[in-house]
PDB file of N, CA and C in Angstrom:
ATOM      1  N   MET A   1       1.281  20.798  20.524  1.00  0.00           N
ATOM      2  CA  MET A   1      -0.001  21.464  20.473  1.00  0.00           C
ATOM      3  C   MET A   1      -0.445  21.864  21.880  1.00  0.00           C
ATOM      4  N   ARG A   2      -0.121  21.044  22.872  1.00  0.00           N
ATOM      5  CA  ARG A   2      -0.501  21.347  24.243  1.00  0.00           C
ATOM      6  C   ARG A   2       0.144  22.649  24.694  1.00  0.00           C
ATOM      7  N   LYS A   3       1.371  22.888  24.300  1.00  0.00           N
ATOM      8  CA  LYS A   3       2.070  24.101  24.713  1.00  0.00           C
ATOM      9  C   LYS A   3       1.361  25.339  24.171  1.00  0.00           C
ATOM     10  N   SER A   4       0.920  25.315  22.914  1.00  0.00           N
ATOM     11  CA  SER A   4       0.248  26.486  22.351  1.00  0.00           C
ATOM     12  C   SER A   4      -1.101  26.732  23.030  1.00  0.00           C
ATOM     13  N   ARG A   5      -1.826  25.699  23.395  1.00  0.00           N
ATOM     14  CA  ARG A   5      -3.094  25.874  24.114  1.00  0.00           C
ATOM     15  C   ARG A   5      -2.848  26.508  25.478  1.00  0.00           C
ATOM     16  N   THR A   6      -1.794  26.069  26.161  1.00  0.00           N
ATOM     17  CA  THR A   6      -1.452  26.638  27.462  1.00  0.00           C
ATOM     18  C   THR A   6      -1.096  28.106  27.320  1.00  0.00           C
ATOM     19  N   THR A   7      -0.326  28.432  26.309  1.00  0.00           N
ATOM     20  CA  THR A   7       0.046  29.826  26.072  1.00  0.00           C
ATOM     21  C   THR A   7      -1.189  30.669  25.823  1.00  0.00           C
ATOM     22  N   LEU A   8      -2.106  30.179  24.989  1.00  0.00           N
ATOM     23  CA  LEU A   8      -3.333  30.923  24.719  1.00  0.00           C
ATOM     24  C   LEU A   8      -4.163  31.098  25.982  1.00  0.00           C
ATOM     25  N   LEU A   9      -4.216  30.085  26.818  1.00  0.00           N
ATOM     26  CA  LEU A   9      -4.960  30.189  28.063  1.00  0.00           C
ATOM     27  C   LEU A   9      -4.365  31.280  28.944  1.00  0.00           C
ATOM     28  N   TRP A  10      -3.056  31.311  29.082  1.00  0.00           N
ATOM     29  CA  TRP A  10      -2.417  32.338  29.908  1.00  0.00           C
ATOM     30  C   TRP A  10      -2.613  33.724  29.325  1.00  0.00           C
ATOM     31  N   LEU A  11      -2.527  33.862  28.030  1.00  0.00           N
ATOM     32  CA  LEU A  11      -2.758  35.166  27.411  1.00  0.00           C
ATOM     33  C   LEU A  11      -4.178  35.641  27.674  1.00  0.00           C
ATOM     34  N   ALA A  12      -5.132  34.733  27.646  1.00  0.00           N
ATOM     35  CA  ALA A  12      -6.532  35.105  27.897  1.00  0.00           C
ATOM     36  C   ALA A  12      -6.739  35.556  29.335  1.00  0.00           C
ATOM     37  N   LEU A  13      -5.922  35.062  30.245  1.00  0.00           N
ATOM     38  CA  LEU A  13      -6.077  35.402  31.655  1.00  0.00           C
ATOM     39  C   LEU A  13      -5.332  36.667  32.060  1.00  0.00           C
ATOM     40  N   LEU A  14      -4.457  37.162  31.190  1.00  0.00           N
ATOM     41  CA  LEU A  14      -3.708  38.378  31.512  1.00  0.00           C
ATOM     42  C   LEU A  14      -4.633  39.582  31.567  1.00  0.00           C
ATOM     43  N   PRO A  15      -4.306  40.585  32.384  1.00  0.00           N
ATOM     44  CA  PRO A  15      -5.115  41.802  32.397  1.00  0.00           C
ATOM     45  C   PRO A  15      -5.060  42.493  31.045  1.00  0.00           C
ATOM     46  N   ALA A  16      -6.093  43.284  30.740  1.00  0.00           N
ATOM     47  CA  ALA A  16      -6.125  44.021  29.468  1.00  0.00           C
ATOM     48  C   ALA A  16      -4.849  44.818  29.327  1.00  0.00           C
ATOM     49  N   GLY A  17      -4.289  44.797  28.141  1.00  0.00           N
ATOM     50  CA  GLY A  17      -3.055  45.534  27.882  1.00  0.00           C
ATOM     51  C   GLY A  17      -1.833  44.650  27.986  1.00  0.00           C
ATOM     52  N   ALA A  18      -1.876  43.619  28.809  1.00  0.00           N
ATOM     53  CA  ALA A  18      -0.705  42.786  29.013  1.00  0.00           C
ATOM     54  C   ALA A  18      -0.459  41.842  27.846  1.00  0.00           C
ATOM     55  N   ALA A  19      -1.482  41.514  27.088  1.00  0.00           N
ATOM     56  CA  ALA A  19      -1.332  40.584  25.971  1.00  0.00           C
ATOM     57  C   ALA A  19      -1.235  41.313  24.648  1.00  0.00           C
ATOM     58  N   GLY A  20      -0.859  42.584  24.674  1.00  0.00           N
ATOM     59  CA  GLY A  20      -0.705  43.340  23.452  1.00  0.00           C
ATOM     60  C   GLY A  20      -1.966  44.071  23.035  1.00  0.00           C
ATOM     61  N   ALA A  21      -2.950  44.128  23.906  1.00  0.00           N
ATOM     62  CA  ALA A  21      -4.196  44.834  23.575  1.00  0.00           C
ATOM     63  C   ALA A  21      -3.935  46.330  23.514  1.00  0.00           C
ATOM     64  N   THR A  22      -4.822  47.004  22.832  1.00  0.00           N
ATOM     65  CA  THR A  22      -4.682  48.441  22.687  1.00  0.00           C
ATOM     66  C   THR A  22      -4.890  49.156  24.017  1.00  0.00           C
ATOM     67  N   SER A  23      -4.283  50.330  24.162  1.00  0.00           N
ATOM     68  CA  SER A  23      -4.417  51.085  25.402  1.00  0.00           C
ATOM     69  C   SER A  23      -5.604  52.042  25.344  1.00  0.00           C
ATOM     70  N   VAL A  24      -6.329  52.067  24.238  1.00  0.00           N
ATOM     71  CA  VAL A  24      -7.500  52.923  24.091  1.00  0.00           C
ATOM     72  C   VAL A  24      -8.624  52.314  24.929  1.00  0.00           C
ATOM     73  N   ALA A  25      -9.289  53.136  25.728  1.00  0.00           N
ATOM     74  CA  ALA A  25     -10.389  52.637  26.561  1.00  0.00           C
ATOM     75  C   ALA A  25     -11.602  52.330  25.696  1.00  0.00           C
ATOM     76  N   PRO A  26     -12.316  51.231  25.971  1.00  0.00           N
ATOM     77  CA  PRO A  26     -13.502  50.916  25.174  1.00  0.00           C
ATOM     78  C   PRO A  26     -14.577  51.985  25.353  1.00  0.00           C
ATOM     79  N   PRO A  27     -15.219  52.388  24.284  1.00  0.00           N
ATOM     80  CA  PRO A  27     -16.267  53.404  24.399  1.00  0.00           C
ATOM     81  C   PRO A  27     -17.522  52.849  25.069  1.00  0.00           C
ATOM     82  N   ALA A  28     -18.276  53.732  25.680  1.00  0.00           N
ATOM     83  CA  ALA A  28     -19.500  53.336  26.387  1.00  0.00           C
ATOM     84  C   ALA A  28     -20.509  52.674  25.450  1.00  0.00           C
ATOM     85  N   ALA A  29     -20.578  53.104  24.202  1.00  0.00           N
ATOM     86  CA  ALA A  29     -21.561  52.582  23.247  1.00  0.00           C
ATOM     87  C   ALA A  29     -21.109  51.281  22.580  1.00  0.00           C
ATOM     88  N   LEU A  30     -19.995  50.718  23.000  1.00  0.00           N
ATOM     89  CA  LEU A  30     -19.441  49.538  22.349  1.00  0.00           C
ATOM     90  C   LEU A  30     -20.396  48.346  22.377  1.00  0.00           C
ATOM     91  N   GLY A  31     -21.138  48.181  23.444  1.00  0.00           N
ATOM     92  CA  GLY A  31     -22.015  47.016  23.595  1.00  0.00           C
ATOM     93  C   GLY A  31     -22.970  46.809  22.450  1.00  0.00           C
ATOM     94  N   ARG A  32     -23.569  47.890  21.965  1.00  0.00           N
ATOM     95  CA  ARG A  32     -24.548  47.743  20.883  1.00  0.00           C
ATOM     96  C   ARG A  32     -23.878  47.301  19.588  1.00  0.00           C
ATOM     97  N   CYS A  33     -22.630  47.653  19.373  1.00  0.00           N
ATOM     98  CA  CYS A  33     -21.902  47.263  18.154  1.00  0.00           C
ATOM     99  C   CYS A  33     -21.300  45.862  18.288  1.00  0.00           C
ATOM    100  N   ALA A  34     -20.845  45.558  19.519  1.00  0.00           N
ATOM    101  CA  ALA A  34     -20.150  44.303  19.771  1.00  0.00           C
ATOM    102  C   ALA A  34     -21.024  43.078  19.542  1.00  0.00           C
ATOM    103  N   VAL A  35     -22.328  43.244  19.623  1.00  0.00           N
ATOM    104  CA  VAL A  35     -23.233  42.110  19.415  1.00  0.00           C
ATOM    105  C   VAL A  35     -22.955  41.455  18.059  1.00  0.00           C
ATOM    106  N   CYS A  36     -22.759  42.259  17.036  1.00  0.00           N
ATOM    107  CA  CYS A  36     -22.501  41.725  15.686  1.00  0.00           C
ATOM    108  C   CYS A  36     -21.025  41.797  15.296  1.00  0.00           C
ATOM    109  N   HIS A  37     -20.377  42.910  15.637  1.00  0.00           N
ATOM    110  CA  HIS A  37     -19.008  43.166  15.167  1.00  0.00           C
ATOM    111  C   HIS A  37     -17.938  42.749  16.161  1.00  0.00           C
ATOM    112  N   GLY A  38     -18.322  42.331  17.376  1.00  0.00           N
ATOM    113  CA  GLY A  38     -17.372  41.914  18.392  1.00  0.00           C
ATOM    114  C   GLY A  38     -16.708  43.109  19.065  1.00  0.00           C
ATOM    115  N   GLU A  39     -16.351  42.949  20.323  1.00  0.00           N
ATOM    116  CA  GLU A  39     -15.671  44.029  21.039  1.00  0.00           C
ATOM    117  C   GLU A  39     -14.332  44.346  20.402  1.00  0.00           C
ATOM    118  N   ASP A  40     -13.683  43.333  19.841  1.00  0.00           N
ATOM    119  CA  ASP A  40     -12.372  43.520  19.238  1.00  0.00           C
ATOM    120  C   ASP A  40     -12.452  43.793  17.737  1.00  0.00           C
ATOM    121  N   GLY A  41     -13.667  43.920  17.208  1.00  0.00           N
ATOM    122  CA  GLY A  41     -13.835  44.201  15.787  1.00  0.00           C
ATOM    123  C   GLY A  41     -13.828  42.976  14.901  1.00  0.00           C
ATOM    124  N   HIS A  42     -13.743  41.794  15.500  1.00  0.00           N
ATOM    125  CA  HIS A  42     -13.789  40.547  14.749  1.00  0.00           C
ATOM    126  C   HIS A  42     -15.244  40.078  14.785  1.00  0.00           C
ATOM    127  N   ALA A  43     -15.908  40.115  13.635  1.00  0.00           N
ATOM    128  CA  ALA A  43     -17.341  39.845  13.535  1.00  0.00           C
ATOM    129  C   ALA A  43     -17.719  38.544  14.218  1.00  0.00           C
ATOM    130  N   ARG A  44     -18.865  38.576  14.888  1.00  0.00           N
ATOM    131  CA  ARG A  44     -19.364  37.423  15.628  1.00  0.00           C
ATOM    132  C   ARG A  44     -20.464  36.677  14.885  1.00  0.00           C
ATOM    133  N   ILE A  45     -21.050  37.309  13.881  1.00  0.00           N
ATOM    134  CA  ILE A  45     -22.126  36.645  13.147  1.00  0.00           C
ATOM    135  C   ILE A  45     -21.820  36.686  11.655  1.00  0.00           C
ATOM    136  N   PRO A  46     -22.269  35.686  10.915  1.00  0.00           N
ATOM    137  CA  PRO A  46     -22.037  35.672   9.471  1.00  0.00           C
ATOM    138  C   PRO A  46     -22.651  36.905   8.807  1.00  0.00           C
ATOM    139  N   GLY A  47     -21.922  37.471   7.891  1.00  0.00           N
ATOM    140  CA  GLY A  47     -22.410  38.623   7.146  1.00  0.00           C
ATOM    141  C   GLY A  47     -22.043  39.969   7.754  1.00  0.00           C
ATOM    142  N   ALA A  48     -21.662  39.986   9.028  1.00  0.00           N
ATOM    143  CA  ALA A  48     -21.250  41.245   9.660  1.00  0.00           C
ATOM    144  C   ALA A  48     -19.776  41.478   9.314  1.00  0.00           C
ATOM    145  N   PRO A  49     -19.437  42.673   8.869  1.00  0.00           N
ATOM    146  CA  PRO A  49     -18.034  42.909   8.509  1.00  0.00           C
ATOM    147  C   PRO A  49     -17.133  43.050   9.731  1.00  0.00           C
ATOM    148  N   ASN A  50     -15.883  42.662   9.560  1.00  0.00           N
ATOM    149  CA  ASN A  50     -14.871  42.906  10.578  1.00  0.00           C
ATOM    150  C   ASN A  50     -14.530  44.387  10.556  1.00  0.00           C
ATOM    151  N   LEU A  51     -14.464  45.005  11.726  1.00  0.00           N
ATOM    152  CA  LEU A  51     -14.150  46.425  11.815  1.00  0.00           C
ATOM    153  C   LEU A  51     -12.739  46.681  12.328  1.00  0.00           C
ATOM    154  N   ALA A  52     -12.126  45.689  12.925  1.00  0.00           N
ATOM    155  CA  ALA A  52     -10.797  45.851  13.506  1.00  0.00           C
ATOM    156  C   ALA A  52      -9.790  46.314  12.463  1.00  0.00           C
ATOM    157  N   GLY A  53      -9.062  47.362  12.805  1.00  0.00           N
ATOM    158  CA  GLY A  53      -7.997  47.839  11.944  1.00  0.00           C
ATOM    159  C   GLY A  53      -8.445  48.636  10.728  1.00  0.00           C
ATOM    160  N   GLN A  54      -9.741  48.842  10.567  1.00  0.00           N
ATOM    161  CA  GLN A  54     -10.221  49.674   9.460  1.00  0.00           C
ATOM    162  C   GLN A  54      -9.784  51.116   9.727  1.00  0.00           C
ATOM    163  N   PRO A  55      -9.523  51.894   8.700  1.00  0.00           N
ATOM    164  CA  PRO A  55      -9.137  53.292   8.914  1.00  0.00           C
ATOM    165  C   PRO A  55     -10.241  54.058   9.656  1.00  0.00           C
ATOM    166  N   GLU A  56      -9.830  54.828  10.630  1.00  0.00           N
ATOM    167  CA  GLU A  56     -10.787  55.577  11.441  1.00  0.00           C
ATOM    168  C   GLU A  56     -11.668  56.479  10.580  1.00  0.00           C
ATOM    169  N   GLN A  57     -11.085  57.140   9.603  1.00  0.00           N
ATOM    170  CA  GLN A  57     -11.859  58.042   8.742  1.00  0.00           C
ATOM    171  C   GLN A  57     -12.924  57.277   7.966  1.00  0.00           C
ATOM    172  N   TYR A  58     -12.596  56.089   7.500  1.00  0.00           N
ATOM    173  CA  TYR A  58     -13.574  55.256   6.791  1.00  0.00           C
ATOM    174  C   TYR A  58     -14.741  54.916   7.710  1.00  0.00           C
ATOM    175  N   LEU A  59     -14.429  54.502   8.945  1.00  0.00           N
ATOM    176  CA  LEU A  59     -15.484  54.147   9.894  1.00  0.00           C
ATOM    177  C   LEU A  59     -16.362  55.344  10.219  1.00  0.00           C
ATOM    178  N   LEU A  60     -15.762  56.515  10.374  1.00  0.00           N
ATOM    179  CA  LEU A  60     -16.535  57.736  10.625  1.00  0.00           C
ATOM    180  C   LEU A  60     -17.486  58.024   9.461  1.00  0.00           C
ATOM    181  N   GLN A  61     -16.971  57.902   8.245  1.00  0.00           N
ATOM    182  CA  GLN A  61     -17.796  58.160   7.061  1.00  0.00           C
ATOM    183  C   GLN A  61     -18.930  57.146   6.949  1.00  0.00           C
ATOM    184  N   ALA A  62     -18.621  55.878   7.206  1.00  0.00           N
ATOM    185  CA  ALA A  62     -19.652  54.837   7.106  1.00  0.00           C
ATOM    186  C   ALA A  62     -20.743  55.052   8.154  1.00  0.00           C
ATOM    187  N   LEU A  63     -20.350  55.315   9.384  1.00  0.00           N
ATOM    188  CA  LEU A  63     -21.344  55.544  10.436  1.00  0.00           C
ATOM    189  C   LEU A  63     -22.170  56.788  10.147  1.00  0.00           C
ATOM    190  N   GLY A  64     -21.526  57.823   9.625  1.00  0.00           N
ATOM    191  CA  GLY A  64     -22.258  59.035   9.249  1.00  0.00           C
ATOM    192  C   GLY A  64     -23.256  58.764   8.140  1.00  0.00           C
ATOM    193  N   ALA A  65     -22.879  57.929   7.190  1.00  0.00           N
ATOM    194  CA  ALA A  65     -23.777  57.598   6.080  1.00  0.00           C
ATOM    195  C   ALA A  65     -24.987  56.806   6.565  1.00  0.00           C
ATOM    196  N   TYR A  66     -24.805  55.953   7.573  1.00  0.00           N
ATOM    197  CA  TYR A  66     -25.955  55.250   8.150  1.00  0.00           C
ATOM    198  C   TYR A  66     -26.866  56.243   8.872  1.00  0.00           C
ATOM    199  N   ARG A  67     -26.273  57.186   9.583  1.00  0.00           N
ATOM    200  CA  ARG A  67     -27.057  58.168  10.343  1.00  0.00           C
ATOM    201  C   ARG A  67     -27.901  59.053   9.434  1.00  0.00           C
ATOM    202  N   THR A  68     -27.335  59.440   8.291  1.00  0.00           N
ATOM    203  CA  THR A  68     -28.056  60.336   7.380  1.00  0.00           C
ATOM    204  C   THR A  68     -28.992  59.599   6.437  1.00  0.00           C
ATOM    205  N   GLY A  69     -28.876  58.267   6.374  1.00  0.00           N
ATOM    206  CA  GLY A  69     -29.706  57.492   5.462  1.00  0.00           C
ATOM    207  C   GLY A  69     -29.080  57.333   4.088  1.00  0.00           C
ATOM    208  N   GLN A  70     -27.869  57.872   3.904  1.00  0.00           N
ATOM    209  CA  GLN A  70     -27.175  57.696   2.623  1.00  0.00           C
ATOM    210  C   GLN A  70     -26.893  56.216   2.383  1.00  0.00           C
ATOM    211  N   ARG A  71     -26.565  55.487   3.445  1.00  0.00           N
ATOM    212  CA  ARG A  71     -26.437  54.031   3.388  1.00  0.00           C
ATOM    213  C   ARG A  71     -27.703  53.474   4.017  1.00  0.00           C
ATOM    214  N   LYS A  72     -28.454  52.727   3.237  1.00  0.00           N
ATOM    215  CA  LYS A  72     -29.754  52.234   3.697  1.00  0.00           C
ATOM    216  C   LYS A  72     -29.661  50.769   4.132  1.00  0.00           C
ATOM    217  N   VAL A  73     -29.252  50.576   5.371  1.00  0.00           N
ATOM    218  CA  VAL A  73     -29.225  49.257   5.988  1.00  0.00           C
ATOM    219  C   VAL A  73     -29.989  49.416   7.301  1.00  0.00           C
ATOM    220  N   PRO A  74     -31.265  48.989   7.318  1.00  0.00           N
ATOM    221  CA  PRO A  74     -32.126  49.271   8.469  1.00  0.00           C
ATOM    222  C   PRO A  74     -31.529  48.927   9.835  1.00  0.00           C
ATOM    223  N   VAL A  75     -30.884  47.769   9.954  1.00  0.00           N
ATOM    224  CA  VAL A  75     -30.337  47.396  11.258  1.00  0.00           C
ATOM    225  C   VAL A  75     -29.237  48.377  11.688  1.00  0.00           C
ATOM    226  N   MET A  76     -28.429  48.833  10.735  1.00  0.00           N
ATOM    227  CA  MET A  76     -27.366  49.787  11.072  1.00  0.00           C
ATOM    228  C   MET A  76     -27.948  51.178  11.332  1.00  0.00           C
ATOM    229  N   GLN A  77     -28.938  51.558  10.566  1.00  0.00           N
ATOM    230  CA  GLN A  77     -29.569  52.865  10.795  1.00  0.00           C
ATOM    231  C   GLN A  77     -30.167  52.917  12.199  1.00  0.00           C
ATOM    232  N   ALA A  78     -30.815  51.839  12.618  1.00  0.00           N
ATOM    233  CA  ALA A  78     -31.396  51.784  13.961  1.00  0.00           C
ATOM    234  C   ALA A  78     -30.310  51.765  15.037  1.00  0.00           C
ATOM    235  N   ALA A  79     -29.202  51.096  14.754  1.00  0.00           N
ATOM    236  CA  ALA A  79     -28.127  50.987  15.740  1.00  0.00           C
ATOM    237  C   ALA A  79     -27.422  52.325  15.972  1.00  0.00           C
ATOM    238  N   VAL A  80     -27.250  53.116  14.929  1.00  0.00           N
ATOM    239  CA  VAL A  80     -26.505  54.375  15.085  1.00  0.00           C
ATOM    240  C   VAL A  80     -27.401  55.562  15.420  1.00  0.00           C
ATOM    241  N   ALA A  81     -28.699  55.440  15.216  1.00  0.00           N
ATOM    242  CA  ALA A  81     -29.609  56.570  15.453  1.00  0.00           C
ATOM    243  C   ALA A  81     -29.471  57.182  16.852  1.00  0.00           C
ATOM    244  N   PRO A  82     -29.403  56.374  17.912  1.00  0.00           N
ATOM    245  CA  PRO A  82     -29.321  56.973  19.248  1.00  0.00           C
ATOM    246  C   PRO A  82     -27.920  57.442  19.657  1.00  0.00           C
ATOM    247  N   LEU A  83     -26.919  57.208  18.830  1.00  0.00           N
ATOM    248  CA  LEU A  83     -25.550  57.558  19.199  1.00  0.00           C
ATOM    249  C   LEU A  83     -25.286  59.053  19.023  1.00  0.00           C
ATOM    250  N   SER A  84     -24.543  59.611  19.948  1.00  0.00           N
ATOM    251  CA  SER A  84     -24.118  61.004  19.825  1.00  0.00           C
ATOM    252  C   SER A  84     -22.913  61.060  18.881  1.00  0.00           C
ATOM    253  N   ALA A  85     -22.564  62.255  18.458  1.00  0.00           N
ATOM    254  CA  ALA A  85     -21.375  62.434  17.612  1.00  0.00           C
ATOM    255  C   ALA A  85     -20.133  61.952  18.356  1.00  0.00           C
ATOM    256  N   ALA A  86     -20.078  62.187  19.657  1.00  0.00           N
ATOM    257  CA  ALA A  86     -18.940  61.730  20.464  1.00  0.00           C
ATOM    258  C   ALA A  86     -18.883  60.203  20.507  1.00  0.00           C
ATOM    259  N   ASP A  87     -20.050  59.552  20.600  1.00  0.00           N
ATOM    260  CA  ASP A  87     -20.101  58.087  20.578  1.00  0.00           C
ATOM    261  C   ASP A  87     -19.549  57.557  19.259  1.00  0.00           C
ATOM    262  N   VAL A  88     -19.964  58.171  18.164  1.00  0.00           N
ATOM    263  CA  VAL A  88     -19.522  57.730  16.836  1.00  0.00           C
ATOM    264  C   VAL A  88     -18.010  57.881  16.714  1.00  0.00           C
ATOM    265  N   ARG A  89     -17.479  59.007  17.152  1.00  0.00           N
ATOM    266  CA  ARG A  89     -16.014  59.217  17.089  1.00  0.00           C
ATOM    267  C   ARG A  89     -15.287  58.187  17.958  1.00  0.00           C
ATOM    268  N   ALA A  90     -15.813  57.926  19.155  1.00  0.00           N
ATOM    269  CA  ALA A  90     -15.175  56.966  20.059  1.00  0.00           C
ATOM    270  C   ALA A  90     -15.190  55.552  19.477  1.00  0.00           C
ATOM    271  N   LEU A  91     -16.300  55.169  18.877  1.00  0.00           N
ATOM    272  CA  LEU A  91     -16.395  53.840  18.272  1.00  0.00           C
ATOM    273  C   LEU A  91     -15.440  53.698  17.088  1.00  0.00           C
ATOM    274  N   ALA A  92     -15.399  54.694  16.236  1.00  0.00           N
ATOM    275  CA  ALA A  92     -14.493  54.646  15.086  1.00  0.00           C
ATOM    276  C   ALA A  92     -13.049  54.564  15.558  1.00  0.00           C
ATOM    277  N   HIS A  93     -12.709  55.337  16.566  1.00  0.00           N
ATOM    278  CA  HIS A  93     -11.348  55.329  17.102  1.00  0.00           C
ATOM    279  C   HIS A  93     -11.022  53.965  17.716  1.00  0.00           C
ATOM    280  N   TRP A  94     -11.970  53.408  18.467  1.00  0.00           N
ATOM    281  CA  TRP A  94     -11.762  52.114  19.111  1.00  0.00           C
ATOM    282  C   TRP A  94     -11.497  51.017  18.086  1.00  0.00           C
ATOM    283  N   TYR A  95     -12.398  50.882  17.115  1.00  0.00           N
ATOM    284  CA  TYR A  95     -12.248  49.802  16.144  1.00  0.00           C
ATOM    285  C   TYR A  95     -11.007  49.995  15.261  1.00  0.00           C
ATOM    286  N   ALA A  96     -10.681  51.217  14.940  1.00  0.00           N
ATOM    287  CA  ALA A  96      -9.471  51.469  14.144  1.00  0.00           C
ATOM    288  C   ALA A  96      -8.217  51.071  14.911  1.00  0.00           C
ATOM    289  N   ALA A  97      -8.251  51.170  16.227  1.00  0.00           N
ATOM    290  CA  ALA A  97      -7.083  50.871  17.058  1.00  0.00           C
ATOM    291  C   ALA A  97      -6.900  49.373  17.324  1.00  0.00           C
ATOM    292  N   GLN A  98      -7.897  48.563  16.997  1.00  0.00           N
ATOM    293  CA  GLN A  98      -7.802  47.123  17.241  1.00  0.00           C
ATOM    294  C   GLN A  98      -6.947  46.462  16.168  1.00  0.00           C
ATOM    295  N   PRO A  99      -6.222  45.396  16.521  1.00  0.00           N
ATOM    296  CA  PRO A  99      -5.430  44.690  15.510  1.00  0.00           C
ATOM    297  C   PRO A  99      -6.339  44.140  14.409  1.00  0.00           C
ATOM    298  N   ALA A 100      -5.932  44.337  13.176  1.00  0.00           N
ATOM    299  CA  ALA A 100      -6.730  43.888  12.033  1.00  0.00           C
ATOM    300  C   ALA A 100      -6.931  42.383  12.067  1.00  0.00           C
ATOM    301  N   CYS A 101      -8.039  41.966  11.524  1.00  0.00           N
ATOM    302  CA  CYS A 101      -8.359  40.545  11.434  1.00  0.00           C
ATOM    303  C   CYS A 101      -7.501  39.911  10.344  1.00  0.00           C
ATOM    304  N   PRO A 102      -7.109  38.648  10.531  1.00  0.00           N
ATOM    305  CA  PRO A 102      -6.374  37.977   9.461  1.00  0.00           C
ATOM    306  C   PRO A 102      -7.288  37.801   8.260  1.00  0.00           C
ATOM    307  N   PRO A 103      -6.728  37.776   7.058  1.00  0.00           N
ATOM    308  CA  PRO A 103      -7.567  37.589   5.876  1.00  0.00           C
ATOM    309  C   PRO A 103      -8.270  36.239   5.920  1.00  0.00           C
ATOM    310  N   ALA A 104      -9.487  36.218   5.427  1.00  0.00           N
ATOM    311  CA  ALA A 104     -10.263  34.975   5.389  1.00  0.00           C
ATOM    312  C   ALA A 104      -9.679  34.041   4.326  1.00  0.00           C
ATOM    313  N   VAL A 105      -9.686  32.761   4.616  1.00  0.00           N
ATOM    314  CA  VAL A 105      -9.234  31.758   3.660  1.00  0.00           C
ATOM    315  C   VAL A 105     -10.463  31.262   2.911  1.00  0.00           C
ATOM    316  N   GLN A 106     -10.405  31.344   1.600  1.00  0.00           N
ATOM    317  CA  GLN A 106     -11.535  30.904   0.792  1.00  0.00           C
ATOM    318  C   GLN A 106     -11.460  29.405   0.590  1.00  0.00           C
ATOM    319  N   ALA A 107     -12.621  28.785   0.513  1.00  0.00           N
ATOM    320  CA  ALA A 107     -12.681  27.342   0.299  1.00  0.00           C
ATOM    321  C   ALA A 107     -11.952  26.975  -0.983  1.00  0.00           C
ATOM    322  N   GLY A 108     -11.152  25.924  -0.919  1.00  0.00           N
ATOM    323  CA  GLY A 108     -10.417  25.448  -2.089  1.00  0.00           C
ATOM    324  C   GLY A 108      -9.096  26.161  -2.303  1.00  0.00           C
ATOM    325  N   HIS A 109      -8.774  27.128  -1.442  1.00  0.00           N
ATOM    326  CA  HIS A 109      -7.498  27.836  -1.546  1.00  0.00           C
ATOM    327  C   HIS A 109      -6.700  27.629  -0.258  1.00  0.00           C
ATOM    328  N   PRO A 110      -5.394  27.475  -0.381  1.00  0.00           N
ATOM    329  CA  PRO A 110      -4.575  27.251   0.834  1.00  0.00           C
ATOM    330  C   PRO A 110      -4.487  28.488   1.691  1.00  0.00           C
TER     331      PRO A 110
END
């Protein structure tokens, strides 16, 4: 177990890209999304969906639906309102390029 912890520590210390990270540059608007969805698309708070590895077109459609009010989730509507179309495209591209999250294990199932 000690060996795996050491390996994880070294991977965390490697420069971006060296540990298999995506070569896509993080978008400027990432900070506002990362609070709930994480910079890598792995949700940081309960109830926030993981965005990593989602299809870019799906993310574009979802963000557009929040912007137009077709999807009525006040926190998301407020978060996307100030974003430009370029910001939305960059965010969708970023999260789509991140490695997908492992499937969640449900209680009582191996």
